Amino acid sequence: MRRARAGDAAAWDALVDRFGSRVRAVARSYRLGGADADDVFQVTWLRLVANLDAIREPERVGAWLVTTASHECLRLLRRSGRHDSGAEDWEENLVDDAPEVDSGVLTTERDRALWAAMGMLSGACQRLLRLLAADPAPTYQEVSAVLDMPVGSIGPTRGRCLAHLRAHLARITEGPQGSSP
């Protein structure tokens, strides 16, 4: 942080390398499309530039970025009138930034079933699981700040959300005859 405050470009690159995927994970947890997620990413980093001297605990810059990105997501959703955590169009806004891989029909079917099951979860469960799936994984303190959830509730809630996901996935993959495809 000290080097970034002094204008060291390498220090800025290191900050973006270390925390950039967390900021993007926050945008994905709010189901933002590509352009909106990019806007949140940029505004979050601009806010860091504007507040560099105001950050009292530089070692907590990751939590600050995650919280700021969350606030930017909410601001963008409110401004566009899309703040509906139960929206049916979740799949249209899904951001898939994984590299394209032609792994065949089974992989595609598995992924479709997983995303369908994910769409059956509550908005809160979807946000939690997407946030925890970020690489690098955010700390529970960062998750707590983004989701306004006590740190001690994150693990048990994650477990319940994963159990619901498994149950939905089992129903989807069993098909009408009760056998797996």
Protein backbone atom coordinates (compact mmCIF):
# COMPACT_ATOMS: atom_id res chain seq x y z
CA MET A 1 0.00 0.00 0.00
CA ARG A 2 2.82 2.41 0.83
CA ARG A 3 4.43 1.82 -2.54
CA ALA A 4 1.08 2.20 -4.32
CA ARG A 5 0.49 5.49 -2.47
CA ALA A 6 3.88 6.63 -3.76
CA GLY A 7 2.79 5.87 -7.35
CA ASP A 8 4.73 2.63 -7.85
CA ALA A 9 3.11 0.95 -10.89
CA ALA A 10 4.48 -2.47 -9.92
CA ALA A 11 2.81 -2.15 -6.51
CA TRP A 12 -0.51 -1.35 -8.21
CA ASP A 13 -0.11 -4.35 -10.50
CA ALA A 14 0.57 -6.54 -7.47
CA LEU A 15 -2.59 -5.26 -5.74
CA VAL A 16 -4.69 -5.94 -8.83
CA ASP A 17 -3.12 -9.39 -9.27
CA ARG A 18 -3.76 -10.27 -5.64
CA PHE A 19 -7.29 -8.88 -5.23
CA GLY A 20 -8.70 -8.49 -8.74
CA SER A 21 -10.36 -11.91 -8.85
CA ARG A 22 -12.07 -11.21 -5.53
CA VAL A 23 -13.51 -7.98 -6.88
CA ARG A 24 -14.75 -9.81 -9.99
CA ALA A 25 -16.22 -12.58 -7.82
CA VAL A 26 -18.29 -10.01 -5.96
CA ALA A 27 -19.69 -8.73 -9.28
CA ARG A 28 -20.47 -12.31 -10.36
CA SER A 29 -22.19 -12.97 -7.03
CA TYR A 30 -24.64 -10.19 -7.94
CA ARG A 31 -25.19 -11.81 -11.38
CA LEU A 32 -23.91 -8.81 -13.32
CA GLY A 33 -23.25 -9.12 -17.02
CA GLY A 34 -19.84 -8.57 -18.53
CA ALA A 35 -20.02 -4.80 -19.11
CA ASP A 36 -21.60 -4.13 -15.71
CA ALA A 37 -19.05 -6.36 -13.95
CA ASP A 38 -16.25 -4.50 -15.75
CA ASP A 39 -17.74 -1.18 -14.61
CA VAL A 40 -17.87 -2.37 -10.99
CA PHE A 41 -14.27 -3.59 -11.27
CA GLN A 42 -13.05 -0.23 -12.61
CA VAL A 43 -15.05 1.92 -10.20
CA THR A 44 -13.87 -0.16 -7.24
CA TRP A 45 -10.22 0.42 -8.16
CA LEU A 46 -10.87 4.11 -8.81
CA ARG A 47 -12.41 4.38 -5.35
CA LEU A 48 -9.24 2.81 -3.92
CA VAL A 49 -7.13 5.43 -5.70
CA ALA A 50 -9.35 8.19 -4.34
CA ASN A 51 -9.24 6.80 -0.79
CA LEU A 52 -5.64 5.60 -0.52
CA ASP A 53 -4.78 8.10 2.18
CA ALA A 54 -8.00 7.43 4.11
CA ILE A 55 -7.40 3.69 4.57
CA ARG A 56 -6.27 3.31 8.17
CA GLU A 57 -5.46 -0.42 8.05
CA PRO A 58 -3.57 -1.20 4.82
CA GLU A 59 -3.45 -4.91 5.70
CA ARG A 60 -7.25 -4.98 5.33
CA VAL A 61 -7.30 -3.55 1.81
CA GLY A 62 -8.74 -6.84 0.51
CA ALA A 63 -11.77 -6.54 2.76
CA TRP A 64 -12.09 -2.86 1.81
CA LEU A 65 -12.09 -3.75 -1.90
CA VAL A 66 -14.66 -6.53 -1.44
CA THR A 67 -16.96 -4.25 0.56
CA THR A 68 -16.56 -1.41 -1.93
CA ALA A 69 -17.28 -3.72 -4.88
CA SER A 70 -20.42 -4.96 -3.12
CA HIS A 71 -21.61 -1.39 -2.59
CA GLU A 72 -20.91 -0.58 -6.24
CA CYS A 73 -22.91 -3.63 -7.36
CA LEU A 74 -25.87 -2.57 -5.24
CA ARG A 75 -25.60 1.01 -6.50
CA LEU A 76 -25.54 -0.18 -10.13
CA LEU A 77 -28.49 -2.54 -9.60
CA ARG A 78 -30.56 0.17 -7.87
CA ARG A 79 -29.75 2.67 -10.60
CA SER A 80 -30.82 0.23 -13.32
CA GLY A 81 -33.88 -0.97 -11.37
CA ARG A 82 -32.71 -4.58 -11.36
CA HIS A 83 -32.33 -5.18 -7.63
CA ASP A 84 -34.42 -8.36 -7.52
CA SER A 85 -32.59 -11.25 -5.87
CA GLY A 86 -35.22 -13.73 -7.09
CA ALA A 87 -35.07 -12.72 -10.75
CA GLU A 88 -35.98 -15.48 -13.17
CA ASP A 89 -33.44 -14.29 -15.74
CA TRP A 90 -30.42 -15.33 -13.65
CA GLU A 91 -29.06 -17.47 -16.47
CA GLU A 92 -29.03 -14.57 -18.95
CA ASN A 93 -26.87 -12.51 -16.58
CA LEU A 94 -24.51 -15.35 -15.72
CA VAL A 95 -20.89 -14.51 -16.35
CA ASP A 96 -18.71 -17.43 -17.37
CA ASP A 97 -15.11 -16.26 -17.47
CA ALA A 98 -13.64 -19.76 -17.58
CA PRO A 99 -11.62 -20.67 -20.66
CA GLU A 100 -13.62 -22.38 -23.40
CA VAL A 101 -13.08 -26.11 -23.42
CA ASP A 102 -14.62 -28.59 -25.82
CA SER A 103 -14.99 -31.47 -23.37
CA GLY A 104 -17.98 -33.15 -24.95
CA VAL A 105 -21.64 -33.70 -24.35
CA LEU A 106 -21.35 -35.13 -20.84
CA THR A 107 -19.53 -32.09 -19.54
CA THR A 108 -22.12 -29.80 -21.11
CA GLU A 109 -24.99 -31.79 -19.60
CA ARG A 110 -23.34 -31.82 -16.19
CA ASP A 111 -22.76 -28.08 -16.32
CA ARG A 112 -26.35 -27.38 -17.42
CA ALA A 113 -27.67 -29.50 -14.57
CA LEU A 114 -25.40 -27.78 -12.06
CA TRP A 115 -26.40 -24.28 -13.20
CA ALA A 116 -30.07 -25.26 -13.24
CA ALA A 117 -29.71 -26.53 -9.66
CA MET A 118 -27.83 -23.36 -8.72
CA GLY A 119 -30.72 -21.32 -10.13
CA MET A 120 -33.12 -23.13 -7.81
CA LEU A 121 -31.25 -21.86 -4.74
CA SER A 122 -32.23 -18.69 -2.94
CA GLY A 123 -30.44 -15.53 -4.02
CA ALA A 124 -28.59 -15.49 -0.70
CA CYS A 125 -27.25 -19.02 -1.23
CA GLN A 126 -26.24 -18.22 -4.80
CA ARG A 127 -24.30 -15.13 -3.70
CA LEU A 128 -22.58 -16.99 -0.86
CA LEU A 129 -21.51 -19.97 -3.00
CA ARG A 130 -20.32 -17.79 -5.87
CA LEU A 131 -18.34 -15.59 -3.52
CA LEU A 132 -16.74 -18.58 -1.79
CA ALA A 133 -15.83 -20.08 -5.17
CA ALA A 134 -13.63 -17.09 -6.07
CA ASP A 135 -9.98 -17.70 -6.75
CA PRO A 136 -8.24 -16.79 -4.54
CA ALA A 137 -10.91 -17.52 -1.99
CA PRO A 138 -11.93 -14.53 0.11
CA THR A 139 -11.49 -14.71 3.86
CA TYR A 140 -14.55 -15.26 6.01
CA GLN A 141 -14.10 -11.67 7.23
CA GLU A 142 -14.38 -10.43 3.64
CA VAL A 143 -17.42 -12.62 3.00
CA SER A 144 -18.94 -11.32 6.22
CA ALA A 145 -18.44 -7.73 5.09
CA VAL A 146 -19.91 -8.30 1.62
CA LEU A 147 -22.94 -10.31 2.70
CA ASP A 148 -23.46 -8.62 6.06
CA MET A 149 -23.37 -12.03 7.72
CA PRO A 150 -21.71 -12.98 11.03
CA VAL A 151 -18.45 -14.84 10.45
CA GLY A 152 -19.68 -17.75 12.58
CA SER A 153 -22.71 -18.23 10.32
CA ILE A 154 -20.78 -18.56 7.06
CA GLY A 155 -19.67 -22.19 7.44
CA PRO A 156 -23.03 -23.58 8.59
CA THR A 157 -24.90 -21.55 5.96
CA ARG A 158 -22.48 -22.77 3.29
CA GLY A 159 -23.16 -26.35 4.39
CA ARG A 160 -26.93 -25.87 4.17
CA CYS A 161 -26.65 -24.19 0.76
CA LEU A 162 -24.48 -27.03 -0.58
CA ALA A 163 -26.97 -29.59 0.79
CA HIS A 164 -29.80 -27.80 -1.04
CA LEU A 165 -27.67 -27.66 -4.20
CA ARG A 166 -26.98 -31.41 -4.00
CA ALA A 167 -30.69 -32.16 -3.46
CA HIS A 168 -31.73 -30.00 -6.43
CA LEU A 169 -29.00 -31.54 -8.58
CA ALA A 170 -30.11 -35.07 -7.62
CA ARG A 171 -33.72 -34.27 -8.62
CA ILE A 172 -32.58 -32.83 -11.94
CA THR A 173 -30.25 -35.69 -12.85
CA GLU A 174 -32.60 -38.50 -11.77
CA GLY A 175 -35.01 -37.67 -14.55
CA PRO A 176 -38.63 -38.83 -14.78
CA GLN A 177 -37.90 -42.55 -14.21
CA GLY A 178 -35.75 -41.97 -11.14
CA SER A 179 -32.56 -43.15 -12.81
CA SER A 180 -29.49 -41.18 -13.72
CA PRO A 181 -28.99 -40.34 -17.40
